[in-house]
Amino acid sequence: MNVVSDLIAVNVDYKIDIISQNIAMGEQLLDSVKEAFKDSPVKLTTLYKVGDVAKEIVEKAEKEDVDLIVMGSRGLGVISRTFLGSISHKVINNTDKSVLVVK
């Protein structure tokens, strides 16, 4: 799952461009994961969303009743580097699911 934040504090014109670029990067990332697992017996489903990152992750985990949320300690985008660890912190504090944060 890749979630692109819609909360970017920049000019509206640039915000749309940044979100579009982040969606394109997210799609490339998910495509590379699909490719890596194409011969694996593991069932893989990919998803990208735009919204509040922590909220989207928690909602999806609850909806799918997952056993474990595995996530990185930071995002890939320039803006997300500013919020190092804040998304994983929010997820941990807003779900009763087990969360593994990978550095």
PDB file of N, CA and C in Angstrom:
ATOM      1  N   MET A   1       0.853  -1.174   0.000  1.00  0.00           N
ATOM      2  CA  MET A   1       0.000   0.000   0.000  1.00  0.00           C
ATOM      3  C   MET A   1       0.891   1.226   0.000  1.00  0.00           C
ATOM      4  N   ASN A   2       0.559   2.146  -0.851  1.00  0.00           N
ATOM      5  CA  ASN A   2       1.273   3.412  -0.912  1.00  0.00           C
ATOM      6  C   ASN A   2       0.236   4.513  -0.773  1.00  0.00           C
ATOM      7  N   VAL A   3       0.439   5.400   0.190  1.00  0.00           N
ATOM      8  CA  VAL A   3      -0.507   6.501   0.407  1.00  0.00           C
ATOM      9  C   VAL A   3       0.212   7.811   0.146  1.00  0.00           C
ATOM     10  N   VAL A   4      -0.351   8.601  -0.740  1.00  0.00           N
ATOM     11  CA  VAL A   4       0.182   9.926  -1.049  1.00  0.00           C
ATOM     12  C   VAL A   4      -0.578  10.937  -0.212  1.00  0.00           C
ATOM     13  N   SER A   5       0.149  11.706   0.568  1.00  0.00           N
ATOM     14  CA  SER A   5      -0.476  12.703   1.435  1.00  0.00           C
ATOM     15  C   SER A   5      -1.097  13.825   0.605  1.00  0.00           C
ATOM     16  N   ASP A   6      -2.285  14.224   1.007  1.00  0.00           N
ATOM     17  CA  ASP A   6      -2.922  15.371   0.356  1.00  0.00           C
ATOM     18  C   ASP A   6      -2.750  16.639   1.196  1.00  0.00           C
ATOM     19  N   LEU A   7      -1.963  16.558   2.269  1.00  0.00           N
ATOM     20  CA  LEU A   7      -1.744  17.697   3.160  1.00  0.00           C
ATOM     21  C   LEU A   7      -0.383  18.316   2.921  1.00  0.00           C
ATOM     22  N   ILE A   8      -0.226  18.954   1.799  1.00  0.00           N
ATOM     23  CA  ILE A   8       1.050  19.577   1.444  1.00  0.00           C
ATOM     24  C   ILE A   8       0.872  21.082   1.541  1.00  0.00           C
ATOM     25  N   ALA A   9       1.683  21.705   2.384  1.00  0.00           N
ATOM     26  CA  ALA A   9       1.540  23.135   2.658  1.00  0.00           C
ATOM     27  C   ALA A   9       2.317  23.973   1.647  1.00  0.00           C
ATOM     28  N   VAL A  10       1.831  24.001   0.427  1.00  0.00           N
ATOM     29  CA  VAL A  10       2.435  24.825  -0.615  1.00  0.00           C
ATOM     30  C   VAL A  10       1.325  25.438  -1.447  1.00  0.00           C
ATOM     31  N   ASN A  11       1.707  26.296  -2.355  1.00  0.00           N
ATOM     32  CA  ASN A  11       0.776  26.913  -3.281  1.00  0.00           C
ATOM     33  C   ASN A  11      -0.077  25.833  -3.954  1.00  0.00           C
ATOM     34  N   VAL A  12      -1.370  26.095  -4.142  1.00  0.00           N
ATOM     35  CA  VAL A  12      -2.314  25.118  -4.687  1.00  0.00           C
ATOM     36  C   VAL A  12      -1.862  24.570  -6.038  1.00  0.00           C
ATOM     37  N   ASP A  13      -1.349  25.432  -6.929  1.00  0.00           N
ATOM     38  CA  ASP A  13      -0.898  24.957  -8.239  1.00  0.00           C
ATOM     39  C   ASP A  13       0.223  23.938  -8.097  1.00  0.00           C
ATOM     40  N   TYR A  14       1.165  24.215  -7.224  1.00  0.00           N
ATOM     41  CA  TYR A  14       2.284  23.294  -7.008  1.00  0.00           C
ATOM     42  C   TYR A  14       1.837  22.042  -6.268  1.00  0.00           C
ATOM     43  N   LYS A  15       0.857  22.184  -5.384  1.00  0.00           N
ATOM     44  CA  LYS A  15       0.348  21.051  -4.615  1.00  0.00           C
ATOM     45  C   LYS A  15      -0.167  19.965  -5.557  1.00  0.00           C
ATOM     46  N   ILE A  16      -0.924  20.357  -6.571  1.00  0.00           N
ATOM     47  CA  ILE A  16      -1.459  19.395  -7.535  1.00  0.00           C
ATOM     48  C   ILE A  16      -0.319  18.693  -8.270  1.00  0.00           C
ATOM     49  N   ASP A  17       0.706  19.448  -8.667  1.00  0.00           N
ATOM     50  CA  ASP A  17       1.861  18.854  -9.343  1.00  0.00           C
ATOM     51  C   ASP A  17       2.600  17.880  -8.439  1.00  0.00           C
ATOM     52  N   ILE A  18       2.805  18.251  -7.184  1.00  0.00           N
ATOM     53  CA  ILE A  18       3.526  17.391  -6.243  1.00  0.00           C
ATOM     54  C   ILE A  18       2.745  16.108  -6.001  1.00  0.00           C
ATOM     55  N   ILE A  19       1.445  16.215  -5.779  1.00  0.00           N
ATOM     56  CA  ILE A  19       0.622  15.024  -5.562  1.00  0.00           C
ATOM     57  C   ILE A  19       0.667  14.127  -6.791  1.00  0.00           C
ATOM     58  N   SER A  20       0.562  14.705  -7.985  1.00  0.00           N
ATOM     59  CA  SER A  20       0.623  13.913  -9.218  1.00  0.00           C
ATOM     60  C   SER A  20       1.964  13.195  -9.352  1.00  0.00           C
ATOM     61  N   GLN A  21       3.055  13.888  -9.043  1.00  0.00           N
ATOM     62  CA  GLN A  21       4.380  13.267  -9.105  1.00  0.00           C
ATOM     63  C   GLN A  21       4.499  12.144  -8.078  1.00  0.00           C
ATOM     64  N   ASN A  22       3.974  12.362  -6.881  1.00  0.00           N
ATOM     65  CA  ASN A  22       4.034  11.335  -5.845  1.00  0.00           C
ATOM     66  C   ASN A  22       3.192  10.116  -6.210  1.00  0.00           C
ATOM     67  N   ILE A  23       2.061  10.328  -6.867  1.00  0.00           N
ATOM     68  CA  ILE A  23       1.232   9.208  -7.331  1.00  0.00           C
ATOM     69  C   ILE A  23       2.006   8.407  -8.369  1.00  0.00           C
ATOM     70  N   ALA A  24       2.648   9.088  -9.303  1.00  0.00           N
ATOM     71  CA  ALA A  24       3.434   8.394 -10.331  1.00  0.00           C
ATOM     72  C   ALA A  24       4.570   7.587  -9.699  1.00  0.00           C
ATOM     73  N   MET A  25       5.252   8.170  -8.718  1.00  0.00           N
ATOM     74  CA  MET A  25       6.323   7.448  -8.017  1.00  0.00           C
ATOM     75  C   MET A  25       5.758   6.238  -7.266  1.00  0.00           C
ATOM     76  N   GLY A  26       4.605   6.412  -6.650  1.00  0.00           N
ATOM     77  CA  GLY A  26       3.961   5.324  -5.921  1.00  0.00           C
ATOM     78  C   GLY A  26       3.568   4.183  -6.838  1.00  0.00           C
ATOM     79  N   GLU A  27       3.036   4.525  -8.011  1.00  0.00           N
ATOM     80  CA  GLU A  27       2.668   3.488  -8.980  1.00  0.00           C
ATOM     81  C   GLU A  27       3.902   2.722  -9.451  1.00  0.00           C
ATOM     82  N   GLN A  28       5.004   3.424  -9.692  1.00  0.00           N
ATOM     83  CA  GLN A  28       6.248   2.758 -10.097  1.00  0.00           C
ATOM     84  C   GLN A  28       6.742   1.830  -8.987  1.00  0.00           C
ATOM     85  N   LEU A  29       6.686   2.296  -7.762  1.00  0.00           N
ATOM     86  CA  LEU A  29       7.114   1.492  -6.626  1.00  0.00           C
ATOM     87  C   LEU A  29       6.280   0.220  -6.521  1.00  0.00           C
ATOM     88  N   LEU A  30       4.963   0.357  -6.605  1.00  0.00           N
ATOM     89  CA  LEU A  30       4.089  -0.801  -6.497  1.00  0.00           C
ATOM     90  C   LEU A  30       4.274  -1.751  -7.672  1.00  0.00           C
ATOM     91  N   ASP A  31       4.518  -1.211  -8.864  1.00  0.00           N
ATOM     92  CA  ASP A  31       4.792  -2.067 -10.028  1.00  0.00           C
ATOM     93  C   ASP A  31       6.065  -2.876  -9.820  1.00  0.00           C
ATOM     94  N   SER A  32       7.088  -2.271  -9.223  1.00  0.00           N
ATOM     95  CA  SER A  32       8.334  -2.999  -8.986  1.00  0.00           C
ATOM     96  C   SER A  32       8.136  -4.100  -7.935  1.00  0.00           C
ATOM     97  N   VAL A  33       7.275  -3.846  -6.954  1.00  0.00           N
ATOM     98  CA  VAL A  33       6.970  -4.877  -5.954  1.00  0.00           C
ATOM     99  C   VAL A  33       6.222  -6.031  -6.615  1.00  0.00           C
ATOM    100  N   LYS A  34       5.250  -5.708  -7.463  1.00  0.00           N
ATOM    101  CA  LYS A  34       4.519  -6.760  -8.196  1.00  0.00           C
ATOM    102  C   LYS A  34       5.484  -7.617  -9.004  1.00  0.00           C
ATOM    103  N   GLU A  35       6.416  -6.972  -9.678  1.00  0.00           N
ATOM    104  CA  GLU A  35       7.396  -7.678 -10.506  1.00  0.00           C
ATOM    105  C   GLU A  35       8.266  -8.599  -9.641  1.00  0.00           C
ATOM    106  N   ALA A  36       8.690  -8.124  -8.496  1.00  0.00           N
ATOM    107  CA  ALA A  36       9.548  -8.913  -7.613  1.00  0.00           C
ATOM    108  C   ALA A  36       8.824 -10.157  -7.087  1.00  0.00           C
ATOM    109  N   PHE A  37       7.507 -10.082  -6.939  1.00  0.00           N
ATOM    110  CA  PHE A  37       6.739 -11.192  -6.382  1.00  0.00           C
ATOM    111  C   PHE A  37       5.975 -11.996  -7.420  1.00  0.00           C
ATOM    112  N   LYS A  38       6.225 -11.757  -8.712  1.00  0.00           N
ATOM    113  CA  LYS A  38       5.419 -12.397  -9.747  1.00  0.00           C
ATOM    114  C   LYS A  38       5.517 -13.920  -9.737  1.00  0.00           C
ATOM    115  N   ASP A  39       6.647 -14.481  -9.361  1.00  0.00           N
ATOM    116  CA  ASP A  39       6.809 -15.935  -9.325  1.00  0.00           C
ATOM    117  C   ASP A  39       6.654 -16.511  -7.916  1.00  0.00           C
ATOM    118  N   SER A  40       6.251 -15.692  -6.977  1.00  0.00           N
ATOM    119  CA  SER A  40       6.122 -16.116  -5.589  1.00  0.00           C
ATOM    120  C   SER A  40       4.749 -16.741  -5.343  1.00  0.00           C
ATOM    121  N   PRO A  41       4.676 -17.731  -4.458  1.00  0.00           N
ATOM    122  CA  PRO A  41       3.369 -18.297  -4.109  1.00  0.00           C
ATOM    123  C   PRO A  41       2.556 -17.364  -3.202  1.00  0.00           C
ATOM    124  N   VAL A  42       3.174 -16.283  -2.746  1.00  0.00           N
ATOM    125  CA  VAL A  42       2.496 -15.329  -1.875  1.00  0.00           C
ATOM    126  C   VAL A  42       1.494 -14.516  -2.686  1.00  0.00           C
ATOM    127  N   LYS A  43       0.260 -14.428  -2.169  1.00  0.00           N
ATOM    128  CA  LYS A  43      -0.756 -13.603  -2.827  1.00  0.00           C
ATOM    129  C   LYS A  43      -0.434 -12.139  -2.528  1.00  0.00           C
ATOM    130  N   LEU A  44      -0.281 -11.356  -3.573  1.00  0.00           N
ATOM    131  CA  LEU A  44       0.091  -9.953  -3.418  1.00  0.00           C
ATOM    132  C   LEU A  44      -0.977  -9.058  -4.032  1.00  0.00           C
ATOM    133  N   THR A  45      -1.430  -8.108  -3.243  1.00  0.00           N
ATOM    134  CA  THR A  45      -2.370  -7.098  -3.726  1.00  0.00           C
ATOM    135  C   THR A  45      -1.742  -5.749  -3.443  1.00  0.00           C
ATOM    136  N   THR A  46      -1.731  -4.874  -4.434  1.00  0.00           N
ATOM    137  CA  THR A  46      -1.179  -3.538  -4.228  1.00  0.00           C
ATOM    138  C   THR A  46      -2.306  -2.513  -4.287  1.00  0.00           C
ATOM    139  N   LEU A  47      -2.054  -1.393  -3.637  1.00  0.00           N
ATOM    140  CA  LEU A  47      -3.067  -0.347  -3.556  1.00  0.00           C
ATOM    141  C   LEU A  47      -2.382   0.980  -3.317  1.00  0.00           C
ATOM    142  N   TYR A  48      -2.842   2.021  -3.980  1.00  0.00           N
ATOM    143  CA  TYR A  48      -2.380   3.357  -3.605  1.00  0.00           C
ATOM    144  C   TYR A  48      -3.607   4.227  -3.367  1.00  0.00           C
ATOM    145  N   LYS A  49      -3.437   5.145  -2.438  1.00  0.00           N
ATOM    146  CA  LYS A  49      -4.513   6.051  -2.076  1.00  0.00           C
ATOM    147  C   LYS A  49      -3.937   7.441  -1.899  1.00  0.00           C
ATOM    148  N   VAL A  50      -4.796   8.427  -1.940  1.00  0.00           N
ATOM    149  CA  VAL A  50      -4.429   9.809  -1.650  1.00  0.00           C
ATOM    150  C   VAL A  50      -5.258  10.231  -0.446  1.00  0.00           C
ATOM    151  N   GLY A  51      -4.590  10.774   0.569  1.00  0.00           N
ATOM    152  CA  GLY A  51      -5.317  11.198   1.763  1.00  0.00           C
ATOM    153  C   GLY A  51      -4.387  11.329   2.947  1.00  0.00           C
ATOM    154  N   ASP A  52      -4.966  11.256   4.129  1.00  0.00           N
ATOM    155  CA  ASP A  52      -4.201  11.279   5.368  1.00  0.00           C
ATOM    156  C   ASP A  52      -3.519   9.919   5.503  1.00  0.00           C
ATOM    157  N   VAL A  53      -2.200   9.899   5.457  1.00  0.00           N
ATOM    158  CA  VAL A  53      -1.442   8.655   5.343  1.00  0.00           C
ATOM    159  C   VAL A  53      -1.743   7.698   6.494  1.00  0.00           C
ATOM    160  N   ALA A  54      -1.580   8.135   7.723  1.00  0.00           N
ATOM    161  CA  ALA A  54      -1.799   7.258   8.873  1.00  0.00           C
ATOM    162  C   ALA A  54      -3.244   6.763   8.919  1.00  0.00           C
ATOM    163  N   LYS A  55      -4.180   7.647   8.682  1.00  0.00           N
ATOM    164  CA  LYS A  55      -5.602   7.283   8.722  1.00  0.00           C
ATOM    165  C   LYS A  55      -5.918   6.232   7.669  1.00  0.00           C
ATOM    166  N   GLU A  56      -5.407   6.396   6.464  1.00  0.00           N
ATOM    167  CA  GLU A  56      -5.668   5.439   5.379  1.00  0.00           C
ATOM    168  C   GLU A  56      -5.092   4.059   5.716  1.00  0.00           C
ATOM    169  N   ILE A  57      -3.890   4.034   6.288  1.00  0.00           N
ATOM    170  CA  ILE A  57      -3.254   2.773   6.646  1.00  0.00           C
ATOM    171  C   ILE A  57      -4.059   2.066   7.737  1.00  0.00           C
ATOM    172  N   VAL A  58      -4.425   2.795   8.773  1.00  0.00           N
ATOM    173  CA  VAL A  58      -5.187   2.212   9.884  1.00  0.00           C
ATOM    174  C   VAL A  58      -6.539   1.711   9.397  1.00  0.00           C
ATOM    175  N   GLU A  59      -7.236   2.501   8.596  1.00  0.00           N
ATOM    176  CA  GLU A  59      -8.558   2.091   8.096  1.00  0.00           C
ATOM    177  C   GLU A  59      -8.473   0.836   7.246  1.00  0.00           C
ATOM    178  N   LYS A  60      -7.473   0.752   6.378  1.00  0.00           N
ATOM    179  CA  LYS A  60      -7.311  -0.422   5.516  1.00  0.00           C
ATOM    180  C   LYS A  60      -6.973  -1.655   6.349  1.00  0.00           C
ATOM    181  N   ALA A  61      -6.099  -1.489   7.335  1.00  0.00           N
ATOM    182  CA  ALA A  61      -5.718  -2.612   8.193  1.00  0.00           C
ATOM    183  C   ALA A  61      -6.926  -3.146   8.963  1.00  0.00           C
ATOM    184  N   GLU A  62      -7.761  -2.244   9.446  1.00  0.00           N
ATOM    185  CA  GLU A  62      -8.949  -2.666  10.181  1.00  0.00           C
ATOM    186  C   GLU A  62      -9.970  -3.312   9.254  1.00  0.00           C
ATOM    187  N   LYS A  63     -10.167  -2.733   8.087  1.00  0.00           N
ATOM    188  CA  LYS A  63     -11.127  -3.274   7.129  1.00  0.00           C
ATOM    189  C   LYS A  63     -10.737  -4.686   6.692  1.00  0.00           C
ATOM    190  N   GLU A  64      -9.433  -4.899   6.459  1.00  0.00           N
ATOM    191  CA  GLU A  64      -8.943  -6.193   5.990  1.00  0.00           C
ATOM    192  C   GLU A  64      -8.623  -7.143   7.152  1.00  0.00           C
ATOM    193  N   ASP A  65      -8.758  -6.671   8.388  1.00  0.00           N
ATOM    194  CA  ASP A  65      -8.461  -7.443   9.591  1.00  0.00           C
ATOM    195  C   ASP A  65      -7.088  -8.118   9.488  1.00  0.00           C
ATOM    196  N   VAL A  66      -6.075  -7.308   9.205  1.00  0.00           N
ATOM    197  CA  VAL A  66      -4.715  -7.830   9.054  1.00  0.00           C
ATOM    198  C   VAL A  66      -4.134  -8.225  10.411  1.00  0.00           C
ATOM    199  N   ASP A  67      -3.149  -9.119  10.374  1.00  0.00           N
ATOM    200  CA  ASP A  67      -2.466  -9.547  11.591  1.00  0.00           C
ATOM    201  C   ASP A  67      -1.319  -8.609  11.942  1.00  0.00           C
ATOM    202  N   LEU A  68      -0.714  -8.012  10.918  1.00  0.00           N
ATOM    203  CA  LEU A  68       0.486  -7.206  11.128  1.00  0.00           C
ATOM    204  C   LEU A  68       0.573  -6.104  10.078  1.00  0.00           C
ATOM    205  N   ILE A  69       0.864  -4.899  10.516  1.00  0.00           N
ATOM    206  CA  ILE A  69       1.151  -3.779   9.618  1.00  0.00           C
ATOM    207  C   ILE A  69       2.666  -3.637   9.584  1.00  0.00           C
ATOM    208  N   VAL A  70       3.251  -3.719   8.406  1.00  0.00           N
ATOM    209  CA  VAL A  70       4.691  -3.545   8.252  1.00  0.00           C
ATOM    210  C   VAL A  70       4.890  -2.256   7.468  1.00  0.00           C
ATOM    211  N   MET A  71       5.702  -1.364   8.014  1.00  0.00           N
ATOM    212  CA  MET A  71       5.902  -0.084   7.351  1.00  0.00           C
ATOM    213  C   MET A  71       7.301   0.436   7.598  1.00  0.00           C
ATOM    214  N   GLY A  72       7.731   1.333   6.735  1.00  0.00           N
ATOM    215  CA  GLY A  72       9.028   1.965   6.898  1.00  0.00           C
ATOM    216  C   GLY A  72       8.960   3.057   7.946  1.00  0.00           C
ATOM    217  N   SER A  73      10.124   3.424   8.447  1.00  0.00           N
ATOM    218  CA  SER A  73      10.164   4.474   9.468  1.00  0.00           C
ATOM    219  C   SER A  73      10.055   5.859   8.863  1.00  0.00           C
ATOM    220  N   ARG A  74      10.150   5.952   7.546  1.00  0.00           N
ATOM    221  CA  ARG A  74       9.980   7.246   6.891  1.00  0.00           C
ATOM    222  C   ARG A  74       9.494   7.038   5.469  1.00  0.00           C
ATOM    223  N   GLY A  75       8.886   8.085   4.918  1.00  0.00           N
ATOM    224  CA  GLY A  75       8.389   8.024   3.561  1.00  0.00           C
ATOM    225  C   GLY A  75       9.487   8.247   2.553  1.00  0.00           C
ATOM    226  N   LEU A  76       9.116   8.186   1.282  1.00  0.00           N
ATOM    227  CA  LEU A  76      10.090   8.338   0.208  1.00  0.00           C
ATOM    228  C   LEU A  76      10.154   9.753  -0.346  1.00  0.00           C
ATOM    229  N   GLY A  77       9.128  10.550  -0.103  1.00  0.00           N
ATOM    230  CA  GLY A  77       9.069  11.871  -0.709  1.00  0.00           C
ATOM    231  C   GLY A  77       9.831  12.929   0.074  1.00  0.00           C
ATOM    232  N   VAL A  78      10.127  14.036  -0.600  1.00  0.00           N
ATOM    233  CA  VAL A  78      10.844  15.143   0.026  1.00  0.00           C
ATOM    234  C   VAL A  78      10.049  15.695   1.198  1.00  0.00           C
ATOM    235  N   ILE A  79       8.763  15.880   1.004  1.00  0.00           N
ATOM    236  CA  ILE A  79       7.920  16.428   2.064  1.00  0.00           C
ATOM    237  C   ILE A  79       7.867  15.461   3.247  1.00  0.00           C
ATOM    238  N   SER A  80       7.737  14.170   2.982  1.00  0.00           N
ATOM    239  CA  SER A  80       7.604  13.210   4.078  1.00  0.00           C
ATOM    240  C   SER A  80       8.872  13.104   4.902  1.00  0.00           C
ATOM    241  N   ARG A  81      10.024  13.459   4.358  1.00  0.00           N
ATOM    242  CA  ARG A  81      11.263  13.425   5.138  1.00  0.00           C
ATOM    243  C   ARG A  81      11.199  14.406   6.306  1.00  0.00           C
ATOM    244  N   THR A  82      10.396  15.455   6.140  1.00  0.00           N
ATOM    245  CA  THR A  82      10.227  16.442   7.192  1.00  0.00           C
ATOM    246  C   THR A  82       9.553  15.820   8.416  1.00  0.00           C
ATOM    247  N   PHE A  83       8.699  14.845   8.168  1.00  0.00           N
ATOM    248  CA  PHE A  83       7.903  14.234   9.230  1.00  0.00           C
ATOM    249  C   PHE A  83       8.444  12.855   9.601  1.00  0.00           C
ATOM    250  N   LEU A  84       9.761  12.743   9.702  1.00  0.00           N
ATOM    251  CA  LEU A  84      10.435  11.476   9.982  1.00  0.00           C
ATOM    252  C   LEU A  84       9.806  10.767  11.172  1.00  0.00           C
ATOM    253  N   GLY A  85       9.247   9.600  10.923  1.00  0.00           N
ATOM    254  CA  GLY A  85       8.689   8.792  11.995  1.00  0.00           C
ATOM    255  C   GLY A  85       7.299   9.177  12.461  1.00  0.00           C
ATOM    256  N   SER A  86       6.805  10.319  12.045  1.00  0.00           N
ATOM    257  CA  SER A  86       5.513  10.760  12.568  1.00  0.00           C
ATOM    258  C   SER A  86       4.368   9.886  12.069  1.00  0.00           C
ATOM    259  N   ILE A  87       4.445   9.401  10.846  1.00  0.00           N
ATOM    260  CA  ILE A  87       3.378   8.552  10.313  1.00  0.00           C
ATOM    261  C   ILE A  87       3.355   7.219  11.054  1.00  0.00           C
ATOM    262  N   SER A  88       4.522   6.592  11.201  1.00  0.00           N
ATOM    263  CA  SER A  88       4.562   5.313  11.920  1.00  0.00           C
ATOM    264  C   SER A  88       4.087   5.500  13.362  1.00  0.00           C
ATOM    265  N   HIS A  89       4.450   6.607  13.979  1.00  0.00           N
ATOM    266  CA  HIS A  89       4.011   6.906  15.344  1.00  0.00           C
ATOM    267  C   HIS A  89       2.483   7.011  15.401  1.00  0.00           C
ATOM    268  N   LYS A  90       1.888   7.703  14.453  1.00  0.00           N
ATOM    269  CA  LYS A  90       0.426   7.848  14.416  1.00  0.00           C
ATOM    270  C   LYS A  90      -0.256   6.503  14.193  1.00  0.00           C
ATOM    271  N   VAL A  91       0.305   5.689  13.295  1.00  0.00           N
ATOM    272  CA  VAL A  91      -0.288   4.379  13.037  1.00  0.00           C
ATOM    273  C   VAL A  91      -0.245   3.539  14.315  1.00  0.00           C
ATOM    274  N   ILE A  92       0.915   3.477  14.946  1.00  0.00           N
ATOM    275  CA  ILE A  92       1.068   2.688  16.170  1.00  0.00           C
ATOM    276  C   ILE A  92       0.055   3.111  17.231  1.00  0.00           C
ATOM    277  N   ASN A  93      -0.170   4.405  17.358  1.00  0.00           N
ATOM    278  CA  ASN A  93      -1.053   4.914  18.409  1.00  0.00           C
ATOM    279  C   ASN A  93      -2.531   4.925  18.048  1.00  0.00           C
ATOM    280  N   ASN A  94      -2.856   4.569  16.794  1.00  0.00           N
ATOM    281  CA  ASN A  94      -4.263   4.616  16.381  1.00  0.00           C
ATOM    282  C   ASN A  94      -4.802   3.279  15.908  1.00  0.00           C
ATOM    283  N   THR A  95      -4.093   2.205  16.215  1.00  0.00           N
ATOM    284  CA  THR A  95      -4.588   0.880  15.850  1.00  0.00           C
ATOM    285  C   THR A  95      -4.314  -0.098  16.976  1.00  0.00           C
ATOM    286  N   ASP A  96      -5.129  -1.143  17.023  1.00  0.00           N
ATOM    287  CA  ASP A  96      -4.861  -2.220  17.973  1.00  0.00           C
ATOM    288  C   ASP A  96      -4.127  -3.371  17.287  1.00  0.00           C
ATOM    289  N   LYS A  97      -3.794  -3.203  16.007  1.00  0.00           N
ATOM    290  CA  LYS A  97      -3.036  -4.203  15.252  1.00  0.00           C
ATOM    291  C   LYS A  97      -1.560  -4.126  15.633  1.00  0.00           C
ATOM    292  N   SER A  98      -0.858  -5.223  15.458  1.00  0.00           N
ATOM    293  CA  SER A  98       0.591  -5.217  15.658  1.00  0.00           C
ATOM    294  C   SER A  98       1.223  -4.444  14.508  1.00  0.00           C
ATOM    295  N   VAL A  99       2.261  -3.657  14.816  1.00  0.00           N
ATOM    296  CA  VAL A  99       2.935  -2.840  13.806  1.00  0.00           C
ATOM    297  C   VAL A  99       4.437  -3.098  13.882  1.00  0.00           C
ATOM    298  N   LEU A 100       5.028  -3.406  12.738  1.00  0.00           N
ATOM    299  CA  LEU A 100       6.478  -3.582  12.627  1.00  0.00           C
ATOM    300  C   LEU A 100       6.999  -2.414  11.811  1.00  0.00           C
ATOM    301  N   VAL A 101       7.866  -1.611  12.424  1.00  0.00           N
ATOM    302  CA  VAL A 101       8.459  -0.457  11.729  1.00  0.00           C
ATOM    303  C   VAL A 101       9.885  -0.824  11.355  1.00  0.00           C
ATOM    304  N   VAL A 102      10.157  -0.784  10.045  1.00  0.00           N
ATOM    305  CA  VAL A 102      11.461  -1.153   9.524  1.00  0.00           C
ATOM    306  C   VAL A 102      12.265   0.103   9.241  1.00  0.00           C
ATOM    307  N   LYS A 103      13.483   0.148   9.778  1.00  0.00           N
ATOM    308  CA  LYS A 103      14.337   1.317   9.583  1.00  0.00           C
ATOM    309  C   LYS A 103      15.049   1.234   8.259  1.00  0.00           C
TER     310      LYS A 103
END
